[in-house]
Protein backbone atom coordinates (compact mmCIF):
# COMPACT_ATOMS: atom_id res chain seq x y z
CA MET A 1 0.00 0.00 0.00
CA SER A 2 1.03 3.57 -0.53
CA PHE A 3 -0.06 6.87 0.91
CA VAL A 4 -2.22 8.92 -1.44
CA HIS A 5 -3.77 12.34 -1.17
CA VAL A 6 -7.54 12.38 -1.70
CA THR A 7 -9.52 15.57 -2.19
CA LEU A 8 -13.31 15.64 -1.92
CA HIS A 9 -14.86 18.62 -3.67
CA GLY A 10 -18.22 20.31 -3.33
CA LYS A 11 -20.78 19.00 -0.92
CA LEU A 12 -18.79 15.82 -0.20
CA GLY A 13 -15.84 17.90 0.97
CA LYS A 14 -18.01 20.21 3.06
CA LEU A 15 -19.78 17.34 4.81
CA PHE A 16 -16.99 14.80 5.21
CA GLY A 17 -13.70 16.67 5.02
CA ARG A 18 -11.94 18.04 1.98
CA LYS A 19 -8.43 16.61 2.32
CA TRP A 20 -7.47 13.06 3.19
CA ASP A 21 -4.11 11.26 3.28
CA LEU A 22 -4.79 7.55 3.16
CA GLU A 23 -2.78 4.35 2.83
CA VAL A 24 -4.70 2.64 0.02
CA ASN A 25 -4.14 1.01 -3.37
CA THR A 26 -7.37 1.81 -5.25
CA PRO A 27 -10.05 4.49 -5.39
CA GLY A 28 -12.51 1.95 -3.97
CA GLU A 29 -10.27 1.41 -0.95
CA ALA A 30 -10.11 5.19 -0.47
CA LEU A 31 -13.90 5.45 -0.43
CA ARG A 32 -14.20 2.53 1.99
CA ALA A 33 -11.60 4.12 4.29
CA ILE A 34 -13.43 7.46 4.34
CA GLY A 35 -16.73 5.66 4.87
CA THR A 36 -15.26 3.81 7.83
CA LEU A 37 -13.96 7.02 9.40
CA LYS A 38 -16.93 9.29 8.65
CA LYS A 39 -20.41 8.24 9.74
CA GLY A 40 -23.04 8.85 7.09
CA PHE A 41 -20.66 8.84 4.10
CA PHE A 42 -22.03 5.68 2.47
CA GLY A 43 -25.61 6.74 3.15
CA PHE A 44 -24.95 10.10 1.50
CA LEU A 45 -23.46 8.43 -1.59
CA GLU A 46 -26.40 6.05 -1.87
CA LYS A 47 -28.98 8.81 -1.39
CA ALA A 48 -27.20 11.02 -3.92
CA GLU A 49 -27.10 8.23 -6.49
CA ASN A 50 -30.80 7.46 -5.99
CA SER A 51 -31.67 11.11 -6.60
CA GLY A 52 -29.60 11.27 -9.80
CA LEU A 53 -26.55 13.09 -8.46
CA GLY A 54 -23.32 11.86 -9.98
CA PHE A 55 -19.69 12.03 -8.99
CA ARG A 56 -16.45 12.15 -10.95
CA VAL A 57 -13.30 10.34 -9.95
CA ALA A 58 -9.89 11.46 -11.19
CA ILE A 59 -6.43 10.09 -10.54
CA ASP A 60 -3.55 12.50 -11.13
CA GLY A 61 -5.94 14.71 -13.08
CA ARG A 62 -7.16 11.91 -15.35
CA GLU A 63 -10.84 11.13 -15.02
CA LEU A 64 -11.87 7.48 -14.71
CA LEU A 65 -14.37 6.74 -17.46
CA ILE A 66 -15.64 3.47 -15.99
CA PRO A 67 -14.96 3.51 -12.25
CA ASP A 68 -15.03 -0.29 -11.77
CA GLU A 69 -12.65 0.09 -8.83
CA LEU A 70 -15.32 1.95 -6.89
CA ILE A 71 -17.58 -1.03 -6.34
CA MET A 72 -18.01 -1.19 -2.58
CA THR A 73 -19.36 -4.72 -2.19
């Protein structure tokens, strides 16, 4: 594992913290780590998805087109 810097923008950042330094290997692991540390994170993501709100994921400025690594099951 390596330490990565994660930045949450917009409402996610306001509610759950904008800057994170995490020891993870994938974007999915980063989301799971934040969800473990911040109560309500997963519920917010689920509620947002159900109401049509989308999120973008970028690594080193490159947007993931198909964020398969984000599957949280």
